[in-house]
Amino acid sequence: MTSIDLSLPYLTAALPGIGGQLRATTDFFIVEEVPLYEPSGEGQHLYVNLTKSGLTTKDLQVKLERLLQVARNGVGFAGLKDKYARTTQTMSIPVGHAPTAEAAAELDRSIVARIEAELPVTVHWAKRHGNKLKPGHLLGNRFQITVTDLAVPLVEAQRRAEAIAQMLCARGVPNFFGAQRFGIDGANVEKGLALVRQQRRERNPWLRKFLISAYQSYLTNRYLTIRMEMGKFDQLMLGDVAKKHETGGMFDVEDPAAEQPRYDAHEISFTAPLFGAKLWAAKADAGALEAGVQAQAEVTPDDWRKAKVDGTRRFGRILLPEILMEAKAVPEAADALAFTFVLPKGSFATVVLRELMKVDFADVAGLDSDAE
């Protein structure tokens, strides 16, 4: 494999950024899940919506299982959240059936009381549902992120941020994977490649999946980078696999000119590959682009097959309805701006922030949620 290149282009390269810093503290990085559905009020699983900080989702899962004597991995969640953020999310706890509604309510109250008494969380509500929460059972996440120590005066920073936000909302944001997935100097990418090529073994199933995913994600970023360099981020290509934003349906683009108005209207977007043996591959011009990325990586379809990696596709751009902005007073810091926006599941907030700040990608890594 050629040397790992983690650098990424800016979609808004012509617009100067606000600079600044992200602080890895809970007051400056706030995340709230946007649920896929609401609990019904009946069933064998108690959905508990809570706010935490200083704990990863996996940390909280383990603590809940120990506290409530639940089997390993019995507590469910929809998305992974970072410990350096103040996050509000829902966890599901298996509680079984109760003989009466009154008994169920009493049991649920006792569980909530134990959680609040023993764990450093704030419970907002608890309600029963029929199934366990599983990864992906959410629409997305609402972020409120404060950028401190702006590189320019507040009024100028606001002007710059408004211009960048306007462009991002109009064009979409490249759906890059965040740098934290790749490890220091891309170490996870190298390990993932070795696993795909059968040059390395990993007994831990979760770690094996994560490392291979890191390699797939790196190739996805390379695909998006090359596509942007070709000037094709805002245009459909012949042979693209497009996806409908409302329904999720995918189709091959046979007439780019005919489909372009739907792309411009944010009804559809091209999809980017997460390579694998069973990938729905693009065709024609878009297929040639994908094949070129895979050829540079020196990985063959047979390598993916032997590694039992199926592959999939994801939206090539993130659609942002709006980016809200508010000036904030921060102790012991210069002017600060707080940004609020909603991202679909699997997308990275730092990808939006790097466009606003125009800082090195690695400098804003480590504060994200719901890596796929």
Protein backbone atom coordinates (compact mmCIF):
# COMPACT_ATOMS: atom_id res chain seq x y z
CA MET A 1 0.00 0.00 0.00
CA THR A 2 1.20 3.52 -0.75
CA SER A 3 1.79 5.85 2.20
CA ILE A 4 -1.28 6.81 4.21
CA ASP A 5 -2.59 10.27 3.39
CA LEU A 6 -5.09 11.46 5.98
CA SER A 7 -5.30 15.01 4.62
CA LEU A 8 -8.69 16.15 3.37
CA PRO A 9 -9.82 19.04 1.20
CA TYR A 10 -12.18 21.80 2.29
CA LEU A 11 -15.41 22.24 0.36
CA THR A 12 -15.34 25.90 1.43
CA ALA A 13 -11.64 26.42 0.73
CA ALA A 14 -12.28 29.84 -0.83
CA LEU A 15 -13.80 31.13 2.42
CA PRO A 16 -11.52 31.96 5.39
CA GLY A 17 -12.32 30.22 8.67
CA ILE A 18 -12.70 31.46 12.21
CA GLY A 19 -9.77 29.52 13.68
CA GLY A 20 -10.13 28.84 17.38
CA GLN A 21 -9.97 25.79 19.58
CA LEU A 22 -12.21 22.95 20.68
CA ARG A 23 -11.99 22.16 24.36
CA ALA A 24 -12.43 18.57 25.43
CA THR A 25 -14.79 19.47 28.27
CA THR A 26 -18.45 18.79 28.78
CA ASP A 27 -19.49 22.46 28.82
CA PHE A 28 -18.28 22.96 25.27
CA PHE A 29 -19.45 19.78 23.54
CA ILE A 30 -23.12 18.84 24.05
CA VAL A 31 -24.84 16.01 22.18
CA GLU A 32 -28.49 14.95 22.23
CA GLU A 33 -29.85 11.94 20.37
CA VAL A 34 -32.68 12.40 17.89
CA PRO A 35 -34.67 9.13 18.30
CA LEU A 36 -35.91 6.99 15.46
CA TYR A 37 -39.10 6.20 17.40
CA GLU A 38 -40.69 6.81 20.79
CA PRO A 39 -41.27 3.99 23.30
CA SER A 40 -44.83 2.66 23.35
CA GLY A 41 -45.24 2.41 27.11
CA GLU A 42 -45.56 -1.39 27.11
CA GLY A 43 -43.09 -4.25 26.83
CA GLN A 44 -40.20 -6.02 28.51
CA HIS A 45 -37.59 -3.28 28.06
CA LEU A 46 -37.39 -0.06 30.06
CA TYR A 47 -36.11 2.85 27.98
CA VAL A 48 -34.26 5.31 30.21
CA ASN A 49 -33.37 8.71 28.79
CA LEU A 50 -30.47 10.27 30.68
CA THR A 51 -27.64 12.76 30.53
CA LYS A 52 -24.08 11.74 31.33
CA SER A 53 -20.56 13.09 31.14
CA GLY A 54 -17.15 11.57 31.84
CA LEU A 55 -18.38 8.16 30.67
CA THR A 56 -18.47 6.54 27.26
CA THR A 57 -21.66 4.75 26.29
CA LYS A 58 -19.89 1.41 26.74
CA ASP A 59 -18.75 2.48 30.23
CA LEU A 60 -22.32 3.31 31.17
CA GLN A 61 -23.60 0.06 29.68
CA VAL A 62 -21.26 -1.95 31.90
CA LYS A 63 -22.15 0.06 35.01
CA LEU A 64 -25.88 -0.38 34.41
CA GLU A 65 -25.48 -4.11 33.88
CA ARG A 66 -23.54 -4.49 37.12
CA LEU A 67 -25.88 -2.29 39.11
CA LEU A 68 -29.04 -4.01 37.88
CA GLN A 69 -27.55 -7.52 37.52
CA VAL A 70 -28.24 -7.66 33.80
CA ALA A 71 -26.40 -10.09 31.53
CA ARG A 72 -23.41 -8.81 29.55
CA ASN A 73 -24.56 -6.70 26.59
CA GLY A 74 -28.13 -6.94 27.85
CA VAL A 75 -28.42 -3.17 28.15
CA GLY A 76 -29.05 -1.65 24.74
CA PHE A 77 -28.24 1.70 23.15
CA ALA A 78 -28.72 3.34 19.76
CA GLY A 79 -25.40 5.14 19.38
CA LEU A 80 -21.94 5.45 20.90
CA LYS A 81 -21.18 8.70 22.70
CA ASP A 82 -17.83 10.15 23.79
CA LYS A 83 -16.88 10.65 27.45
CA TYR A 84 -15.60 14.17 26.76
CA ALA A 85 -19.07 15.43 25.87
CA ARG A 86 -22.25 16.07 27.85
CA THR A 87 -24.53 13.63 26.13
CA THR A 88 -28.23 12.87 26.38
CA GLN A 89 -29.19 9.45 25.11
CA THR A 90 -31.55 6.55 25.77
CA MET A 91 -30.51 3.16 27.15
CA SER A 92 -32.79 0.10 27.21
CA ILE A 93 -32.86 -2.25 30.21
CA PRO A 94 -34.48 -5.71 30.11
CA VAL A 95 -37.04 -5.81 32.93
CA GLY A 96 -39.45 -8.56 31.89
CA HIS A 97 -43.21 -8.64 32.29
CA ALA A 98 -45.02 -7.51 35.43
CA PRO A 99 -48.34 -9.03 36.58
CA THR A 100 -50.09 -5.65 36.69
CA ALA A 101 -49.56 -2.13 35.40
CA GLU A 102 -49.12 -0.96 38.98
CA ALA A 103 -46.40 -3.54 39.60
CA ALA A 104 -44.62 -2.52 36.39
CA ALA A 105 -44.72 1.14 37.37
CA GLU A 106 -43.36 0.38 40.84
CA LEU A 107 -40.51 -1.71 39.40
CA ASP A 108 -39.65 0.98 36.89
CA ARG A 109 -39.59 3.67 39.60
CA SER A 110 -37.28 1.56 41.73
CA ILE A 111 -34.88 1.03 38.82
CA VAL A 112 -34.74 4.74 38.08
CA ALA A 113 -34.16 5.51 41.76
CA ARG A 114 -31.22 3.08 41.90
CA ILE A 115 -29.70 4.53 38.76
CA GLU A 116 -29.93 8.09 40.05
CA ALA A 117 -28.60 7.10 43.47
CA GLU A 118 -25.64 5.04 42.28
CA LEU A 119 -24.52 6.47 38.94
CA PRO A 120 -23.35 9.97 37.89
CA VAL A 121 -26.25 10.58 35.52
CA THR A 122 -29.46 12.60 35.39
CA VAL A 123 -32.57 10.64 34.37
CA HIS A 124 -35.14 12.61 32.37
CA TRP A 125 -37.76 9.95 31.75
CA ALA A 126 -38.31 6.19 31.67
CA LYS A 127 -40.86 4.34 29.56
CA ARG A 128 -41.34 0.74 28.45
CA HIS A 129 -41.09 -0.65 24.93
CA GLY A 130 -41.25 -4.03 23.24
CA ASN A 131 -37.72 -4.34 21.88
CA LYS A 132 -34.15 -3.73 22.94
CA LEU A 133 -32.45 -0.62 21.60
CA LYS A 134 -29.79 -1.55 19.06
CA PRO A 135 -27.06 0.47 17.30
CA GLY A 136 -28.60 2.51 14.53
CA HIS A 137 -32.02 2.92 16.17
CA LEU A 138 -31.78 6.71 15.91
CA LEU A 139 -32.25 9.40 13.29
CA GLY A 140 -29.19 11.36 14.27
CA ASN A 141 -27.73 13.70 16.85
CA ARG A 142 -28.17 17.34 17.78
CA PHE A 143 -24.83 19.00 18.54
CA GLN A 144 -24.06 22.21 20.41
CA ILE A 145 -20.34 22.87 20.17
CA THR A 146 -18.47 25.92 21.40
CA VAL A 147 -15.36 27.16 19.62
CA THR A 148 -13.16 29.34 21.84
CA ASP A 149 -10.11 31.54 21.26
CA LEU A 150 -11.26 32.75 17.86
CA ALA A 151 -8.52 33.84 15.48
CA VAL A 152 -10.36 37.04 14.51
CA PRO A 153 -12.63 39.52 16.33
CA LEU A 154 -16.12 38.26 17.12
CA VAL A 155 -17.94 40.31 14.48
CA GLU A 156 -15.58 39.12 11.76
CA ALA A 157 -15.82 35.51 13.00
CA GLN A 158 -19.61 35.70 12.82
CA ARG A 159 -19.45 37.08 9.28
CA ARG A 160 -17.09 34.30 8.19
CA ALA A 161 -19.11 31.58 9.88
CA GLU A 162 -22.34 32.83 8.28
CA ALA A 163 -20.79 32.66 4.81
CA ILE A 164 -19.43 29.16 5.38
CA ALA A 165 -22.69 27.91 6.90
CA GLN A 166 -24.66 29.29 3.98
CA MET A 167 -22.48 27.39 1.51
CA LEU A 168 -22.57 24.15 3.51
CA CYS A 169 -26.36 24.25 3.81
CA ALA A 170 -26.70 24.92 0.09
CA ARG A 171 -24.25 22.28 -1.16
CA GLY A 172 -24.10 19.72 1.66
CA VAL A 173 -20.99 18.64 3.55
CA PRO A 174 -18.63 15.91 2.35
CA ASN A 175 -19.49 12.88 4.49
CA PHE A 176 -15.93 12.18 5.58
CA PHE A 177 -15.11 9.90 8.48
CA GLY A 178 -13.52 11.62 11.47
CA ALA A 179 -9.77 11.30 12.00
CA GLN A 180 -10.13 9.66 15.43
CA ARG A 181 -11.18 6.46 13.68
CA PHE A 182 -7.75 6.11 12.09
CA GLY A 183 -5.55 6.19 15.19
CA ILE A 184 -2.21 7.95 15.63
CA ASP A 185 -0.55 8.47 12.22
CA GLY A 186 -3.11 6.12 10.68
CA ALA A 187 -2.06 3.08 12.72
CA ASN A 188 -5.58 1.63 12.65
CA VAL A 189 -5.64 1.88 8.86
CA GLU A 190 -2.45 -0.17 8.58
CA LYS A 191 -3.78 -2.80 10.98
CA GLY A 192 -7.09 -2.98 9.14
CA LEU A 193 -5.34 -3.47 5.81
CA ALA A 194 -3.23 -6.27 7.29
CA LEU A 195 -6.40 -8.00 8.50
CA VAL A 196 -8.04 -7.71 5.08
CA ARG A 197 -4.94 -9.19 3.46
CA GLN A 198 -4.79 -12.03 6.00
CA GLN A 199 -1.40 -10.74 7.18
CA ARG A 200 -2.59 -10.19 10.73
CA ARG A 201 -4.93 -11.96 13.12
CA GLU A 202 -7.15 -10.45 15.76
CA ARG A 203 -9.04 -12.65 18.21
CA ASN A 204 -11.23 -9.90 19.62
CA PRO A 205 -14.23 -9.78 17.20
CA TRP A 206 -15.14 -6.21 18.10
CA LEU A 207 -11.58 -4.95 17.59
CA ARG A 208 -11.23 -6.85 14.33
CA LYS A 209 -14.41 -5.29 12.99
CA PHE A 210 -13.33 -1.84 14.15
CA LEU A 211 -9.89 -2.03 12.52
CA ILE A 212 -11.27 -3.29 9.21
CA SER A 213 -13.89 -0.54 9.36
CA ALA A 214 -11.09 1.99 9.87
CA TYR A 215 -9.47 0.81 6.66
CA GLN A 216 -12.77 0.91 4.77
CA SER A 217 -13.40 4.41 6.12
CA TYR A 218 -9.98 5.57 4.97
CA LEU A 219 -10.73 4.39 1.43
CA THR A 220 -14.10 6.15 1.56
CA ASN A 221 -12.34 9.38 2.48
CA ARG A 222 -9.92 8.87 -0.41
CA TYR A 223 -12.86 8.37 -2.77
CA LEU A 224 -14.53 11.59 -1.63
CA THR A 225 -11.25 13.50 -1.83
CA ILE A 226 -10.60 12.41 -5.41
CA ARG A 227 -14.19 13.13 -6.39
CA MET A 228 -13.89 16.65 -5.01
CA GLU A 229 -10.59 17.16 -6.83
CA MET A 230 -12.37 16.13 -10.04
CA GLY A 231 -14.99 18.82 -9.44
CA LYS A 232 -17.75 16.19 -9.15
CA PHE A 233 -19.00 16.79 -5.61
CA ASP A 234 -21.89 18.94 -6.84
CA GLN A 235 -22.62 16.80 -9.88
CA LEU A 236 -23.92 13.30 -10.43
CA MET A 237 -21.73 11.03 -12.54
CA LEU A 238 -22.79 8.40 -15.05
CA GLY A 239 -23.05 5.10 -13.16
CA ASP A 240 -23.36 6.62 -9.69
CA VAL A 241 -25.36 4.70 -7.12
CA ALA A 242 -27.71 7.43 -5.87
CA LYS A 243 -29.82 7.31 -2.73
CA LYS A 244 -33.11 9.00 -1.88
CA HIS A 245 -32.95 11.04 1.32
CA GLU A 246 -36.62 10.55 2.21
CA THR A 247 -36.98 6.79 1.69
CA GLY A 248 -33.41 5.47 1.53
CA GLY A 249 -34.00 3.77 -1.81
CA MET A 250 -30.96 3.40 -4.07
CA PHE A 251 -30.67 3.26 -7.84
CA ASP A 252 -28.10 3.42 -10.65
CA VAL A 253 -27.79 6.79 -12.35
CA GLU A 254 -28.20 6.16 -16.08
CA ASP A 255 -28.88 9.77 -17.10
CA PRO A 256 -26.99 12.24 -14.86
CA ALA A 257 -28.47 15.30 -16.55
CA ALA A 258 -32.02 14.08 -15.96
CA GLU A 259 -31.36 13.32 -12.27
CA GLN A 260 -29.30 16.46 -11.51
CA PRO A 261 -32.33 18.63 -10.62
CA ARG A 262 -33.25 16.15 -7.88
CA TYR A 263 -29.67 16.31 -6.61
CA ASP A 264 -29.78 20.11 -6.57
CA ALA A 265 -33.11 19.98 -4.71
CA HIS A 266 -31.55 17.75 -2.01
CA GLU A 267 -33.89 14.89 -2.85
CA ILE A 268 -31.07 12.49 -3.74
CA SER A 269 -27.30 12.28 -3.33
CA PHE A 270 -24.56 10.11 -4.74
CA THR A 271 -23.31 7.40 -2.40
CA ALA A 272 -19.72 6.66 -1.46
CA PRO A 273 -18.40 3.10 -1.16
CA LEU A 274 -17.37 1.22 1.95
CA PHE A 275 -15.57 -1.42 -0.07
CA GLY A 276 -16.26 -5.13 0.34
CA ALA A 277 -16.97 -8.36 -1.52
CA LYS A 278 -20.72 -7.74 -1.93
CA LEU A 279 -20.64 -3.99 -2.55
CA TRP A 280 -23.29 -2.58 -4.87
CA ALA A 281 -20.64 -1.20 -7.20
CA ALA A 282 -21.00 1.91 -9.30
CA LYS A 283 -20.78 1.61 -13.07
CA ALA A 284 -19.38 3.56 -16.03
CA ASP A 285 -17.57 6.78 -15.02
CA ALA A 286 -18.39 6.47 -11.32
CA GLY A 287 -17.35 2.83 -11.41
CA ALA A 288 -13.99 3.76 -12.91
CA LEU A 289 -13.42 6.18 -10.03
CA GLU A 290 -14.17 3.48 -7.46
CA ALA A 291 -11.99 0.94 -9.24
CA GLY A 292 -9.13 3.44 -9.28
CA VAL A 293 -9.34 3.97 -5.52
CA GLN A 294 -9.33 0.23 -4.90
CA ALA A 295 -6.42 -0.29 -7.32
CA GLN A 296 -4.32 2.34 -5.54
CA ALA A 297 -5.03 0.54 -2.28
CA GLU A 298 -3.74 -2.72 -3.76
CA VAL A 299 -6.71 -4.67 -2.42
CA THR A 300 -8.63 -7.11 -4.58
CA PRO A 301 -12.26 -8.30 -4.39
CA ASP A 302 -10.84 -11.68 -3.39
CA ASP A 303 -9.12 -10.09 -0.38
CA TRP A 304 -12.46 -8.73 0.81
CA ARG A 305 -14.13 -12.09 0.26
CA LYS A 306 -11.49 -14.00 2.24
CA ALA A 307 -11.75 -11.47 5.06
CA LYS A 308 -15.56 -11.87 5.01
CA VAL A 309 -16.16 -8.15 4.52
CA ASP A 310 -19.37 -7.50 2.57
CA GLY A 311 -19.16 -3.75 2.07
CA THR A 312 -21.94 -1.18 1.86
CA ARG A 313 -22.62 2.37 0.72
CA ARG A 314 -23.34 5.63 2.53
CA PHE A 315 -24.44 9.10 1.51
CA GLY A 316 -21.59 11.03 -0.07
CA ARG A 317 -22.79 14.28 1.43
CA ILE A 318 -24.51 15.41 4.62
CA LEU A 319 -27.52 17.68 4.20
CA LEU A 320 -27.70 20.42 6.82
CA PRO A 321 -31.05 22.22 7.20
CA GLU A 322 -29.36 24.95 9.23
CA ILE A 323 -26.39 25.86 11.39
CA LEU A 324 -27.37 28.07 14.32
CA MET A 325 -24.76 30.35 15.85
CA GLU A 326 -24.57 32.21 19.16
CA ALA A 327 -21.86 34.35 20.75
CA LYS A 328 -20.85 33.13 24.20
CA ALA A 329 -18.87 34.52 27.10
CA VAL A 330 -16.31 31.97 28.26
CA PRO A 331 -14.19 32.46 31.41
CA GLU A 332 -10.45 32.75 30.80
CA ALA A 333 -10.90 32.83 27.03
CA ALA A 334 -11.34 35.29 24.22
CA ASP A 335 -14.61 35.51 22.31
CA ALA A 336 -16.39 32.24 21.60
CA LEU A 337 -19.06 31.02 19.21
CA ALA A 338 -21.48 28.16 19.91
CA PHE A 339 -22.78 26.24 16.89
CA THR A 340 -25.91 24.07 16.91
CA PHE A 341 -26.79 21.63 14.13
CA VAL A 342 -28.30 18.19 13.56
CA LEU A 343 -26.46 15.39 11.75
CA PRO A 344 -27.75 12.00 10.61
CA LYS A 345 -26.45 8.92 12.40
CA GLY A 346 -22.93 7.89 11.42
CA SER A 347 -21.83 11.40 10.47
CA PHE A 348 -19.12 13.34 12.27
CA ALA A 349 -19.57 16.77 13.83
CA THR A 350 -15.88 17.55 13.46
CA VAL A 351 -16.29 17.33 9.68
CA VAL A 352 -18.56 20.38 9.90
CA LEU A 353 -16.33 22.16 12.41
CA ARG A 354 -13.19 21.84 10.31
CA GLU A 355 -14.94 23.70 7.50
CA LEU A 356 -15.93 26.50 9.88
CA MET A 357 -12.56 26.69 11.63
CA LYS A 358 -10.16 25.86 8.77
CA VAL A 359 -7.84 23.97 11.08
CA ASP A 360 -5.89 20.80 10.52
CA PHE A 361 -8.28 17.85 10.53
CA ALA A 362 -6.44 15.99 13.31
CA ASP A 363 -6.74 19.03 15.58
CA VAL A 364 -10.49 18.65 15.85
CA ALA A 365 -10.54 14.86 16.27
CA GLY A 366 -11.70 12.96 19.32
CA LEU A 367 -15.06 14.56 19.99
CA ASP A 368 -17.61 12.72 17.92
CA SER A 369 -20.50 10.31 18.22
CA ASP A 370 -21.91 7.28 16.46
CA ALA A 371 -19.08 6.16 14.27
CA GLU A 372 -20.52 3.46 12.06
